[in-house]
Amino acid sequence: MKRTMILLFLGLAALLWGETVINGSRSILGEWDAGGAVSTIPAKVGTMLPAGCAVGEQFFKSDAAAGQNLHLCTAANTWTQVAGAAGGGGGESVCAPGDARYFCVVEDFVMSSTTSGQIGTLGWLTGGSGSTGGIAGVWPNVGILRLTTGATSGNMQRVNLTSTAPALGDWLADAARQHEVKFVFRLNSPADSNFRLVVGAVNTANGLIDHGFAFGKGADGTFSLINGAGGEVAQASTGVNADAAWHTVKFHTDGTPQKLYVTLDDSVTITACPAGGGCDMSTSAPFGYTSYTLGASVITNAAAARTLDLDYISAMAVVGADAGRRN
């Protein structure tokens, strides 16, 4: 009997102090104190963010740059990166002055000139059949650039940064093409006009996208993502009908090739990669990343002028891993 009790005690001790594998769900209602643990790994670890998540989940992305690994699920199926790079699934980015890891430019359209090549802080070019000019801002949309088409159906007006000697330099030279671009915009007559917000190259003749990626009104009347490769080749809908309200759209990557997303108003995220071939940004074909620049256009589908308002444009890209220096 004594021997049996000793063996039972030893067995219980092994359960108490040995390693335990829990297979299945557990809900902890009391306090869980890991303060004395030898080590802890509280988050799931991997290289690809899960497609779905519930609020409160954590994910440690092991292939992200050091200090930029942790992601939190802040809304259903929306991952937010705790710090650093251009995060996938809707995450926000950090682009602080003095942080040499990132290339950053911002345009707020607080300007005095409307001459092509001298518009705004970045010197935007403009062209088309209409006009480009500033209008009075109303907080929080402080500086507003308005693109106005001509009054004939098919007329367009555009702004863009030069791509022949790229205004953004070699900003996508990083192997993973990690970047984020944000537009704050308003399409004033969505029923009979269209628009494009472009990360790539604008077709200067018709205002559509030549190559790269664009956000605009799709064939079904919804805000959509459009891919360009020698012209527009595919569309993916957000499911949100185009309207005349202010919106924010963000193009962003998750640090791996063939993963590029668009998020509308921090709530709807869709992929920018067409089914099948993906959008491999590790090479220039088919989307031509080597000449990526920024642009926007508005196109009228009526016998009347139509307008697009731009309040804010920003672009950032990862260019290094050291916050203190680049070389």
C-alpha atoms as a PDB file:
ATOM      1  CA  MET A   1       0.000   0.000   0.000  1.00  0.00           C
ATOM      2  CA  LYS A   2       2.797   2.388   0.934  1.00  0.00           C
ATOM      3  CA  ARG A   3       4.520   1.588  -2.351  1.00  0.00           C
ATOM      4  CA  THR A   4       1.336   2.335  -4.263  1.00  0.00           C
ATOM      5  CA  MET A   5       0.969   5.694  -2.519  1.00  0.00           C
ATOM      6  CA  ILE A   6       4.562   6.645  -3.324  1.00  0.00           C
ATOM      7  CA  LEU A   7       4.101   5.791  -6.980  1.00  0.00           C
ATOM      8  CA  LEU A   8       0.859   7.756  -7.066  1.00  0.00           C
ATOM      9  CA  PHE A   9       2.567  10.760  -5.453  1.00  0.00           C
ATOM     10  CA  LEU A  10       5.405  10.630  -7.964  1.00  0.00           C
ATOM     11  CA  GLY A  11       2.928  10.422 -10.815  1.00  0.00           C
ATOM     12  CA  LEU A  12       1.044  13.461  -9.565  1.00  0.00           C
ATOM     13  CA  ALA A  13       4.301  15.347  -9.087  1.00  0.00           C
ATOM     14  CA  ALA A  14       5.231  14.657 -12.686  1.00  0.00           C
ATOM     15  CA  LEU A  15       1.916  16.124 -13.777  1.00  0.00           C
ATOM     16  CA  LEU A  16       2.363  19.179 -11.546  1.00  0.00           C
ATOM     17  CA  TRP A  17       5.978  20.007 -12.359  1.00  0.00           C
ATOM     18  CA  GLY A  18       6.494  18.388 -15.727  1.00  0.00           C
ATOM     19  CA  GLU A  19       5.618  19.724 -19.175  1.00  0.00           C
ATOM     20  CA  THR A  20       1.924  19.575 -20.074  1.00  0.00           C
ATOM     21  CA  VAL A  21       0.543  19.703 -23.613  1.00  0.00           C
ATOM     22  CA  ILE A  22      -2.996  21.052 -23.867  1.00  0.00           C
ATOM     23  CA  ASN A  23      -4.861  19.866 -26.933  1.00  0.00           C
ATOM     24  CA  GLY A  24      -8.129  21.758 -27.311  1.00  0.00           C
ATOM     25  CA  SER A  25      -9.608  25.021 -26.063  1.00  0.00           C
ATOM     26  CA  ARG A  26      -9.215  26.323 -22.500  1.00  0.00           C
ATOM     27  CA  SER A  27     -10.762  29.442 -20.906  1.00  0.00           C
ATOM     28  CA  ILE A  28      -8.969  30.871 -17.862  1.00  0.00           C
ATOM     29  CA  LEU A  29     -11.166  32.878 -15.487  1.00  0.00           C
ATOM     30  CA  GLY A  30      -8.691  33.400 -12.644  1.00  0.00           C
ATOM     31  CA  GLU A  31      -5.239  34.947 -12.534  1.00  0.00           C
ATOM     32  CA  TRP A  32      -2.520  33.469 -14.764  1.00  0.00           C
ATOM     33  CA  ASP A  33       0.899  34.449 -13.380  1.00  0.00           C
ATOM     34  CA  ALA A  34       3.883  33.615 -15.580  1.00  0.00           C
ATOM     35  CA  GLY A  35       6.211  35.974 -13.726  1.00  0.00           C
ATOM     36  CA  GLY A  36       8.452  33.135 -12.587  1.00  0.00           C
ATOM     37  CA  ALA A  37       8.520  31.249 -15.873  1.00  0.00           C
ATOM     38  CA  VAL A  38      11.878  30.438 -17.452  1.00  0.00           C
ATOM     39  CA  SER A  39      10.514  31.748 -20.754  1.00  0.00           C
ATOM     40  CA  THR A  40       7.169  32.608 -22.361  1.00  0.00           C
ATOM     41  CA  ILE A  41       5.877  32.634 -25.948  1.00  0.00           C
ATOM     42  CA  PRO A  42       2.418  34.213 -25.626  1.00  0.00           C
ATOM     43  CA  ALA A  43       1.693  34.734 -29.346  1.00  0.00           C
ATOM     44  CA  LYS A  44       1.391  32.424 -32.322  1.00  0.00           C
ATOM     45  CA  VAL A  45       4.603  32.502 -34.395  1.00  0.00           C
ATOM     46  CA  GLY A  46       4.826  32.354 -38.186  1.00  0.00           C
ATOM     47  CA  THR A  47       5.720  34.183 -41.389  1.00  0.00           C
ATOM     48  CA  MET A  48       2.217  34.810 -42.789  1.00  0.00           C
ATOM     49  CA  LEU A  49      -0.563  36.687 -41.027  1.00  0.00           C
ATOM     50  CA  PRO A  50      -3.707  34.547 -40.729  1.00  0.00           C
ATOM     51  CA  ALA A  51      -6.524  35.648 -43.024  1.00  0.00           C
ATOM     52  CA  GLY A  52      -8.973  35.848 -40.127  1.00  0.00           C
ATOM     53  CA  CYS A  53      -8.651  36.896 -36.496  1.00  0.00           C
ATOM     54  CA  ALA A  54     -10.727  37.818 -33.454  1.00  0.00           C
ATOM     55  CA  VAL A  55     -10.172  41.005 -31.443  1.00  0.00           C
ATOM     56  CA  GLY A  56      -7.396  40.485 -28.863  1.00  0.00           C
ATOM     57  CA  GLU A  57      -5.368  37.882 -30.768  1.00  0.00           C
ATOM     58  CA  GLN A  58      -1.606  38.319 -31.158  1.00  0.00           C
ATOM     59  CA  PHE A  59       0.718  37.130 -33.898  1.00  0.00           C
ATOM     60  CA  PHE A  60       4.532  37.245 -33.950  1.00  0.00           C
ATOM     61  CA  LYS A  61       5.745  37.544 -37.563  1.00  0.00           C
ATOM     62  CA  SER A  62       9.160  35.940 -37.353  1.00  0.00           C
ATOM     63  CA  ASP A  63      10.450  37.168 -40.729  1.00  0.00           C
ATOM     64  CA  ALA A  64       9.681  40.861 -40.101  1.00  0.00           C
ATOM     65  CA  ALA A  65      12.420  43.364 -39.295  1.00  0.00           C
ATOM     66  CA  ALA A  66      13.535  43.261 -35.667  1.00  0.00           C
ATOM     67  CA  GLY A  67      11.205  45.257 -33.445  1.00  0.00           C
ATOM     68  CA  GLN A  68       8.412  45.169 -36.027  1.00  0.00           C
ATOM     69  CA  ASN A  69       7.262  41.592 -35.476  1.00  0.00           C
ATOM     70  CA  LEU A  70       4.250  41.841 -33.185  1.00  0.00           C
ATOM     71  CA  HIS A  71       0.767  42.229 -34.690  1.00  0.00           C
ATOM     72  CA  LEU A  72      -2.508  42.670 -32.795  1.00  0.00           C
ATOM     73  CA  CYS A  73      -6.031  41.916 -34.009  1.00  0.00           C
ATOM     74  CA  THR A  74      -7.775  45.258 -33.399  1.00  0.00           C
ATOM     75  CA  ALA A  75     -10.965  44.492 -35.340  1.00  0.00           C
ATOM     76  CA  ALA A  76     -12.430  41.394 -36.923  1.00  0.00           C
ATOM     77  CA  ASN A  77      -9.938  40.083 -39.516  1.00  0.00           C
ATOM     78  CA  THR A  78      -7.772  43.213 -39.180  1.00  0.00           C
ATOM     79  CA  TRP A  79      -4.151  42.980 -38.035  1.00  0.00           C
ATOM     80  CA  THR A  80      -2.398  46.089 -36.725  1.00  0.00           C
ATOM     81  CA  GLN A  81       1.382  46.120 -36.546  1.00  0.00           C
ATOM     82  CA  VAL A  82       2.587  47.349 -33.157  1.00  0.00           C
ATOM     83  CA  ALA A  83       5.520  49.278 -34.627  1.00  0.00           C
ATOM     84  CA  GLY A  84       7.393  49.852 -37.829  1.00  0.00           C
ATOM     85  CA  ALA A  85       7.049  48.629 -41.362  1.00  0.00           C
ATOM     86  CA  ALA A  86       4.182  48.613 -43.804  1.00  0.00           C
ATOM     87  CA  GLY A  87       1.930  46.011 -42.230  1.00  0.00           C
ATOM     88  CA  GLY A  88      -0.422  43.613 -43.996  1.00  0.00           C
ATOM     89  CA  GLY A  89      -4.100  43.204 -43.252  1.00  0.00           C
ATOM     90  CA  GLY A  90      -4.728  46.874 -42.484  1.00  0.00           C
ATOM     91  CA  GLY A  91      -1.897  47.613 -40.039  1.00  0.00           C
ATOM     92  CA  GLU A  92      -0.699  51.165 -39.483  1.00  0.00           C
ATOM     93  CA  SER A  93       2.868  52.315 -40.099  1.00  0.00           C
ATOM     94  CA  VAL A  94       5.312  54.542 -38.284  1.00  0.00           C
ATOM     95  CA  CYS A  95       7.403  57.088 -40.185  1.00  0.00           C
ATOM     96  CA  ALA A  96       9.106  59.249 -37.577  1.00  0.00           C
ATOM     97  CA  PRO A  97      11.657  62.008 -38.285  1.00  0.00           C
ATOM     98  CA  GLY A  98      15.152  60.718 -37.662  1.00  0.00           C
ATOM     99  CA  ASP A  99      14.237  57.054 -38.250  1.00  0.00           C
ATOM    100  CA  ALA A 100      16.589  56.076 -41.075  1.00  0.00           C
ATOM    101  CA  ARG A 101      14.780  52.791 -41.741  1.00  0.00           C
ATOM    102  CA  TYR A 102      12.170  54.519 -43.866  1.00  0.00           C
ATOM    103  CA  PHE A 103      11.909  56.705 -46.939  1.00  0.00           C
ATOM    104  CA  CYS A 104       8.980  59.087 -46.329  1.00  0.00           C
ATOM    105  CA  VAL A 105       7.261  61.868 -48.267  1.00  0.00           C
ATOM    106  CA  VAL A 106       4.044  63.743 -47.428  1.00  0.00           C
ATOM    107  CA  GLU A 107       1.879  66.091 -49.483  1.00  0.00           C
ATOM    108  CA  ASP A 108      -0.776  68.192 -47.706  1.00  0.00           C
ATOM    109  CA  PHE A 109      -1.508  70.579 -50.626  1.00  0.00           C
ATOM    110  CA  VAL A 110      -1.046  73.774 -48.658  1.00  0.00           C
ATOM    111  CA  MET A 111       0.277  75.657 -51.686  1.00  0.00           C
ATOM    112  CA  SER A 112       0.461  78.869 -53.660  1.00  0.00           C
ATOM    113  CA  SER A 113       1.283  77.696 -57.203  1.00  0.00           C
ATOM    114  CA  THR A 114      -0.890  75.724 -59.630  1.00  0.00           C
ATOM    115  CA  THR A 115       1.759  75.669 -62.358  1.00  0.00           C
ATOM    116  CA  SER A 116       2.564  72.185 -63.619  1.00  0.00           C
ATOM    117  CA  GLY A 117       5.757  70.974 -61.978  1.00  0.00           C
ATOM    118  CA  GLN A 118       5.364  73.427 -59.079  1.00  0.00           C
ATOM    119  CA  ILE A 119       2.205  72.172 -57.371  1.00  0.00           C
ATOM    120  CA  GLY A 120       2.463  71.418 -53.667  1.00  0.00           C
ATOM    121  CA  THR A 121       5.597  70.476 -51.761  1.00  0.00           C
ATOM    122  CA  LEU A 122       6.582  67.703 -54.180  1.00  0.00           C
ATOM    123  CA  GLY A 123       6.155  69.609 -57.455  1.00  0.00           C
ATOM    124  CA  TRP A 124       3.252  67.707 -59.037  1.00  0.00           C
ATOM    125  CA  LEU A 125       2.768  67.756 -62.793  1.00  0.00           C
ATOM    126  CA  THR A 126      -0.728  68.338 -64.162  1.00  0.00           C
ATOM    127  CA  GLY A 127      -2.431  67.886 -67.512  1.00  0.00           C
ATOM    128  CA  GLY A 128      -5.703  67.159 -69.271  1.00  0.00           C
ATOM    129  CA  SER A 129      -8.618  69.078 -70.709  1.00  0.00           C
ATOM    130  CA  GLY A 130      -9.627  70.925 -67.557  1.00  0.00           C
ATOM    131  CA  SER A 131      -7.946  72.714 -64.670  1.00  0.00           C
ATOM    132  CA  THR A 132      -6.078  72.080 -61.418  1.00  0.00           C
ATOM    133  CA  GLY A 133      -6.230  74.421 -58.453  1.00  0.00           C
ATOM    134  CA  GLY A 134      -6.567  74.812 -54.715  1.00  0.00           C
ATOM    135  CA  ILE A 135      -9.859  75.344 -52.908  1.00  0.00           C
ATOM    136  CA  ALA A 136     -10.554  76.560 -49.392  1.00  0.00           C
ATOM    137  CA  GLY A 137      -9.997  73.815 -46.852  1.00  0.00           C
ATOM    138  CA  VAL A 138     -12.379  73.006 -44.029  1.00  0.00           C
ATOM    139  CA  TRP A 139     -10.916  71.326 -40.951  1.00  0.00           C
ATOM    140  CA  PRO A 140      -9.726  68.600 -40.808  1.00  0.00           C
ATOM    141  CA  ASN A 141      -9.217  68.743 -44.605  1.00  0.00           C
ATOM    142  CA  VAL A 142      -6.965  71.781 -44.461  1.00  0.00           C
ATOM    143  CA  GLY A 143      -5.243  71.908 -47.844  1.00  0.00           C
ATOM    144  CA  ILE A 144      -7.298  70.687 -50.819  1.00  0.00           C
ATOM    145  CA  LEU A 145      -6.261  70.285 -54.456  1.00  0.00           C
ATOM    146  CA  ARG A 146      -9.184  70.103 -56.889  1.00  0.00           C
ATOM    147  CA  LEU A 147      -8.937  68.427 -60.297  1.00  0.00           C
ATOM    148  CA  THR A 148     -11.667  69.611 -62.716  1.00  0.00           C
ATOM    149  CA  THR A 149     -12.323  67.978 -66.088  1.00  0.00           C
ATOM    150  CA  GLY A 150     -13.506  69.639 -69.276  1.00  0.00           C
ATOM    151  CA  ALA A 151     -17.239  69.594 -70.080  1.00  0.00           C
ATOM    152  CA  THR A 152     -17.175  66.832 -72.709  1.00  0.00           C
ATOM    153  CA  SER A 153     -17.731  63.180 -71.853  1.00  0.00           C
ATOM    154  CA  GLY A 154     -14.377  61.414 -71.706  1.00  0.00           C
ATOM    155  CA  ASN A 155     -12.450  64.513 -70.687  1.00  0.00           C
ATOM    156  CA  MET A 156     -10.002  64.023 -67.828  1.00  0.00           C
ATOM    157  CA  GLN A 157      -7.662  65.970 -65.559  1.00  0.00           C
ATOM    158  CA  ARG A 158      -4.676  64.491 -63.710  1.00  0.00           C
ATOM    159  CA  VAL A 159      -1.730  65.160 -61.434  1.00  0.00           C
ATOM    160  CA  ASN A 160       1.314  62.941 -61.121  1.00  0.00           C
ATOM    161  CA  LEU A 161       4.923  62.902 -60.051  1.00  0.00           C
ATOM    162  CA  THR A 162       7.438  62.416 -62.833  1.00  0.00           C
ATOM    163  CA  SER A 163       8.556  58.858 -63.574  1.00  0.00           C
ATOM    164  CA  THR A 164      11.123  59.502 -66.326  1.00  0.00           C
ATOM    165  CA  ALA A 165      13.605  60.626 -63.665  1.00  0.00           C
ATOM    166  CA  PRO A 166      11.592  59.192 -60.776  1.00  0.00           C
ATOM    167  CA  ALA A 167      10.574  61.814 -58.250  1.00  0.00           C
ATOM    168  CA  LEU A 168      10.655  59.131 -55.555  1.00  0.00           C
ATOM    169  CA  GLY A 169      14.049  57.781 -56.609  1.00  0.00           C
ATOM    170  CA  ASP A 170      14.763  54.062 -56.264  1.00  0.00           C
ATOM    171  CA  TRP A 171      12.251  53.768 -53.404  1.00  0.00           C
ATOM    172  CA  LEU A 172      11.289  50.146 -54.114  1.00  0.00           C
ATOM    173  CA  ALA A 173      14.772  48.649 -54.312  1.00  0.00           C
ATOM    174  CA  ASP A 174      14.230  46.580 -51.151  1.00  0.00           C
ATOM    175  CA  ALA A 175      13.815  42.924 -52.142  1.00  0.00           C
ATOM    176  CA  ALA A 176      10.369  42.645 -50.550  1.00  0.00           C
ATOM    177  CA  ARG A 177       9.135  46.030 -51.936  1.00  0.00           C
ATOM    178  CA  GLN A 178       7.807  46.977 -48.487  1.00  0.00           C
ATOM    179  CA  HIS A 179       5.877  50.202 -48.828  1.00  0.00           C
ATOM    180  CA  GLU A 180       2.733  52.101 -47.914  1.00  0.00           C
ATOM    181  CA  VAL A 181       0.912  54.850 -49.796  1.00  0.00           C
ATOM    182  CA  LYS A 182      -2.100  56.744 -48.461  1.00  0.00           C
ATOM    183  CA  PHE A 183      -4.607  59.036 -50.229  1.00  0.00           C
ATOM    184  CA  VAL A 184      -7.368  61.149 -48.654  1.00  0.00           C
ATOM    185  CA  PHE A 185      -9.870  61.976 -51.419  1.00  0.00           C
ATOM    186  CA  ARG A 186     -13.420  62.961 -52.376  1.00  0.00           C
ATOM    187  CA  LEU A 187     -15.184  62.178 -55.679  1.00  0.00           C
ATOM    188  CA  ASN A 188     -17.842  64.873 -55.949  1.00  0.00           C
ATOM    189  CA  SER A 189     -20.119  63.361 -58.647  1.00  0.00           C
ATOM    190  CA  PRO A 190     -19.825  59.576 -58.343  1.00  0.00           C
ATOM    191  CA  ALA A 191     -22.872  58.809 -60.532  1.00  0.00           C
ATOM    192  CA  ASP A 192     -21.335  60.062 -63.784  1.00  0.00           C
ATOM    193  CA  SER A 193     -17.597  60.357 -63.208  1.00  0.00           C
ATOM    194  CA  ASN A 194     -14.667  58.070 -62.480  1.00  0.00           C
ATOM    195  CA  PHE A 195     -11.261  58.479 -60.892  1.00  0.00           C
ATOM    196  CA  ARG A 196      -7.935  56.768 -60.308  1.00  0.00           C
ATOM    197  CA  LEU A 197      -5.500  57.036 -57.389  1.00  0.00           C
ATOM    198  CA  VAL A 198      -2.341  55.464 -58.725  1.00  0.00           C
ATOM    199  CA  VAL A 199       0.738  53.771 -57.313  1.00  0.00           C
ATOM    200  CA  GLY A 200       2.479  53.082 -60.594  1.00  0.00           C
ATOM    201  CA  ALA A 201       2.037  55.145 -63.752  1.00  0.00           C
ATOM    202  CA  VAL A 202      -0.972  57.170 -64.945  1.00  0.00           C
ATOM    203  CA  ASN A 203      -1.842  56.999 -68.628  1.00  0.00           C
ATOM    204  CA  THR A 204      -1.464  60.684 -69.459  1.00  0.00           C
ATOM    205  CA  ALA A 205      -3.859  60.400 -72.429  1.00  0.00           C
ATOM    206  CA  ASN A 206      -6.948  58.923 -70.749  1.00  0.00           C
ATOM    207  CA  GLY A 207      -6.306  59.169 -66.989  1.00  0.00           C
ATOM    208  CA  LEU A 208      -6.473  55.401 -66.430  1.00  0.00           C
ATOM    209  CA  ILE A 209      -3.642  53.296 -65.037  1.00  0.00           C
ATOM    210  CA  ASP A 210      -0.884  52.177 -67.379  1.00  0.00           C
ATOM    211  CA  HIS A 211       0.929  49.856 -64.989  1.00  0.00           C
ATOM    212  CA  GLY A 212       1.016  49.257 -61.264  1.00  0.00           C
ATOM    213  CA  PHE A 213      -2.011  49.528 -58.979  1.00  0.00           C
ATOM    214  CA  ALA A 214      -4.871  52.000 -58.729  1.00  0.00           C
ATOM    215  CA  PHE A 215      -7.937  52.662 -56.614  1.00  0.00           C
ATOM    216  CA  GLY A 216     -11.050  53.987 -58.327  1.00  0.00           C
ATOM    217  CA  LYS A 217     -14.649  53.338 -59.311  1.00  0.00           C
ATOM    218  CA  GLY A 218     -15.066  49.883 -60.774  1.00  0.00           C
ATOM    219  CA  ALA A 219     -17.380  48.698 -63.533  1.00  0.00           C
ATOM    220  CA  ASP A 220     -20.024  47.830 -60.898  1.00  0.00           C
ATOM    221  CA  GLY A 221     -19.997  51.324 -59.377  1.00  0.00           C
ATOM    222  CA  THR A 222     -18.110  50.297 -56.216  1.00  0.00           C
ATOM    223  CA  PHE A 223     -14.766  51.503 -54.928  1.00  0.00           C
ATOM    224  CA  SER A 224     -12.355  48.988 -56.435  1.00  0.00           C
ATOM    225  CA  LEU A 225      -8.728  48.002 -56.807  1.00  0.00           C
ATOM    226  CA  ILE A 226      -7.491  48.014 -60.410  1.00  0.00           C
ATOM    227  CA  ASN A 227      -4.310  46.331 -61.648  1.00  0.00           C
ATOM    228  CA  GLY A 228      -2.393  47.664 -64.610  1.00  0.00           C
ATOM    229  CA  ALA A 229       0.105  45.903 -66.851  1.00  0.00           C
ATOM    230  CA  GLY A 230       0.297  47.764 -70.146  1.00  0.00           C
ATOM    231  CA  GLY A 231      -3.257  48.971 -69.447  1.00  0.00           C
ATOM    232  CA  GLU A 232      -5.936  47.990 -66.961  1.00  0.00           C
ATOM    233  CA  VAL A 233      -6.148  44.201 -66.634  1.00  0.00           C
ATOM    234  CA  ALA A 234      -8.184  43.284 -63.510  1.00  0.00           C
ATOM    235  CA  GLN A 235     -10.491  44.717 -60.864  1.00  0.00           C
ATOM    236  CA  ALA A 236     -11.395  43.691 -57.308  1.00  0.00           C
ATOM    237  CA  SER A 237     -14.321  45.326 -55.533  1.00  0.00           C
ATOM    238  CA  THR A 238     -14.416  46.511 -51.924  1.00  0.00           C
ATOM    239  CA  GLY A 239     -18.182  46.076 -51.973  1.00  0.00           C
ATOM    240  CA  VAL A 240     -18.578  49.747 -50.981  1.00  0.00           C
ATOM    241  CA  ASN A 241     -20.573  51.905 -53.401  1.00  0.00           C
ATOM    242  CA  ALA A 242     -18.750  54.990 -54.654  1.00  0.00           C
ATOM    243  CA  ASP A 243     -20.099  58.150 -53.016  1.00  0.00           C
ATOM    244  CA  ALA A 244     -19.243  61.815 -52.519  1.00  0.00           C
ATOM    245  CA  ALA A 245     -17.875  61.574 -48.960  1.00  0.00           C
ATOM    246  CA  TRP A 246     -14.262  61.966 -47.862  1.00  0.00           C
ATOM    247  CA  HIS A 247     -12.398  58.645 -47.762  1.00  0.00           C
ATOM    248  CA  THR A 248      -8.926  57.367 -46.919  1.00  0.00           C
ATOM    249  CA  VAL A 249      -7.379  54.563 -48.939  1.00  0.00           C
ATOM    250  CA  LYS A 250      -4.103  52.864 -48.109  1.00  0.00           C
ATOM    251  CA  PHE A 251      -1.944  50.677 -50.357  1.00  0.00           C
ATOM    252  CA  HIS A 252       0.312  48.480 -48.203  1.00  0.00           C
ATOM    253  CA  THR A 253       2.442  45.335 -48.193  1.00  0.00           C
ATOM    254  CA  ASP A 254       3.145  42.726 -45.535  1.00  0.00           C
ATOM    255  CA  GLY A 255       6.876  42.383 -46.147  1.00  0.00           C
ATOM    256  CA  THR A 256       6.710  39.396 -48.499  1.00  0.00           C
ATOM    257  CA  PRO A 257       6.647  39.329 -52.323  1.00  0.00           C
ATOM    258  CA  GLN A 258       3.234  38.809 -53.943  1.00  0.00           C
ATOM    259  CA  LYS A 259       1.425  40.306 -50.976  1.00  0.00           C
ATOM    260  CA  LEU A 260      -0.010  43.757 -51.582  1.00  0.00           C
ATOM    261  CA  TYR A 261      -3.271  45.049 -50.113  1.00  0.00           C
ATOM    262  CA  VAL A 262      -5.601  48.027 -50.220  1.00  0.00           C
ATOM    263  CA  THR A 263      -7.560  49.163 -47.163  1.00  0.00           C
ATOM    264  CA  LEU A 264     -10.483  51.596 -47.387  1.00  0.00           C
ATOM    265  CA  ASP A 265     -11.208  53.750 -44.324  1.00  0.00           C
ATOM    266  CA  ASP A 266      -9.375  51.323 -42.011  1.00  0.00           C
ATOM    267  CA  SER A 267     -12.259  48.871 -42.348  1.00  0.00           C
ATOM    268  CA  VAL A 268     -12.284  47.003 -45.684  1.00  0.00           C
ATOM    269  CA  THR A 269      -9.119  45.280 -46.889  1.00  0.00           C
ATOM    270  CA  ILE A 270      -8.748  43.523 -50.254  1.00  0.00           C
ATOM    271  CA  THR A 271      -5.771  42.062 -52.060  1.00  0.00           C
ATOM    272  CA  ALA A 272      -4.226  43.842 -54.991  1.00  0.00           C
ATOM    273  CA  CYS A 273      -3.066  40.583 -56.534  1.00  0.00           C
ATOM    274  CA  PRO A 274      -5.123  38.946 -59.305  1.00  0.00           C
ATOM    275  CA  ALA A 275      -6.073  35.294 -58.910  1.00  0.00           C
ATOM    276  CA  GLY A 276      -3.593  32.789 -60.258  1.00  0.00           C
ATOM    277  CA  GLY A 277      -0.423  34.651 -61.167  1.00  0.00           C
ATOM    278  CA  GLY A 278      -0.332  36.911 -58.117  1.00  0.00           C
ATOM    279  CA  CYS A 279       1.559  40.204 -58.260  1.00  0.00           C
ATOM    280  CA  ASP A 280       5.183  39.267 -57.803  1.00  0.00           C
ATOM    281  CA  MET A 281       6.913  42.482 -56.802  1.00  0.00           C
ATOM    282  CA  SER A 282      10.299  40.763 -56.605  1.00  0.00           C
ATOM    283  CA  THR A 283      10.646  41.414 -60.352  1.00  0.00           C
ATOM    284  CA  SER A 284       9.566  44.357 -62.467  1.00  0.00           C
ATOM    285  CA  ALA A 285       7.259  42.305 -64.713  1.00  0.00           C
ATOM    286  CA  PRO A 286       4.356  42.460 -65.191  1.00  0.00           C
ATOM    287  CA  PHE A 287       3.684  45.494 -63.000  1.00  0.00           C
ATOM    288  CA  GLY A 288       6.809  47.533 -63.730  1.00  0.00           C
ATOM    289  CA  TYR A 289       7.764  48.559 -60.188  1.00  0.00           C
ATOM    290  CA  THR A 290      11.022  50.174 -61.341  1.00  0.00           C
ATOM    291  CA  SER A 291       9.134  53.278 -62.492  1.00  0.00           C
ATOM    292  CA  TYR A 292       6.457  53.395 -59.792  1.00  0.00           C
ATOM    293  CA  THR A 293       5.399  56.902 -58.926  1.00  0.00           C
ATOM    294  CA  LEU A 294       2.186  58.500 -57.640  1.00  0.00           C
ATOM    295  CA  GLY A 295      -0.720  60.081 -59.460  1.00  0.00           C
ATOM    296  CA  ALA A 296      -4.451  60.814 -59.493  1.00  0.00           C
ATOM    297  CA  SER A 297      -7.038  61.562 -62.158  1.00  0.00           C
ATOM    298  CA  VAL A 298     -10.737  62.291 -62.638  1.00  0.00           C
ATOM    299  CA  ILE A 299     -12.743  61.453 -65.773  1.00  0.00           C
ATOM    300  CA  THR A 300     -16.198  62.773 -66.665  1.00  0.00           C
ATOM    301  CA  ASN A 301     -18.814  60.487 -68.199  1.00  0.00           C
ATOM    302  CA  ALA A 302     -21.238  63.363 -68.776  1.00  0.00           C
ATOM    303  CA  ALA A 303     -21.447  66.501 -70.904  1.00  0.00           C
ATOM    304  CA  ALA A 304     -20.363  68.469 -67.867  1.00  0.00           C
ATOM    305  CA  ALA A 305     -17.241  69.136 -65.827  1.00  0.00           C
ATOM    306  CA  ARG A 306     -16.606  66.817 -62.874  1.00  0.00           C
ATOM    307  CA  THR A 307     -14.179  67.109 -59.950  1.00  0.00           C
ATOM    308  CA  LEU A 308     -11.930  65.090 -57.654  1.00  0.00           C
ATOM    309  CA  ASP A 309     -10.579  66.599 -54.420  1.00  0.00           C
ATOM    310  CA  LEU A 310      -7.263  65.511 -52.889  1.00  0.00           C
ATOM    311  CA  ASP A 311      -6.514  66.422 -49.283  1.00  0.00           C
ATOM    312  CA  TYR A 312      -3.458  64.330 -48.421  1.00  0.00           C
ATOM    313  CA  ILE A 313      -0.995  61.913 -50.034  1.00  0.00           C
ATOM    314  CA  SER A 314       1.874  60.127 -48.281  1.00  0.00           C
ATOM    315  CA  ALA A 315       4.361  57.472 -49.312  1.00  0.00           C
ATOM    316  CA  MET A 316       6.862  55.446 -47.340  1.00  0.00           C
ATOM    317  CA  ALA A 317       9.142  52.504 -48.043  1.00  0.00           C
ATOM    318  CA  VAL A 318      11.527  50.376 -46.022  1.00  0.00           C
ATOM    319  CA  VAL A 319      15.122  51.139 -46.996  1.00  0.00           C
ATOM    320  CA  GLY A 320      17.045  49.685 -44.050  1.00  0.00           C
ATOM    321  CA  ALA A 321      16.955  47.857 -40.721  1.00  0.00           C
ATOM    322  CA  ASP A 322      18.876  50.363 -38.570  1.00  0.00           C
ATOM    323  CA  ALA A 323      16.935  53.342 -37.213  1.00  0.00           C
ATOM    324  CA  GLY A 324      20.148  55.275 -36.583  1.00  0.00           C
ATOM    325  CA  ARG A 325      21.862  55.038 -39.956  1.00  0.00           C
ATOM    326  CA  ARG A 326      21.506  53.813 -43.529  1.00  0.00           C
ATOM    327  CA  ASN A 327      25.100  53.117 -44.550  1.00  0.00           C
END
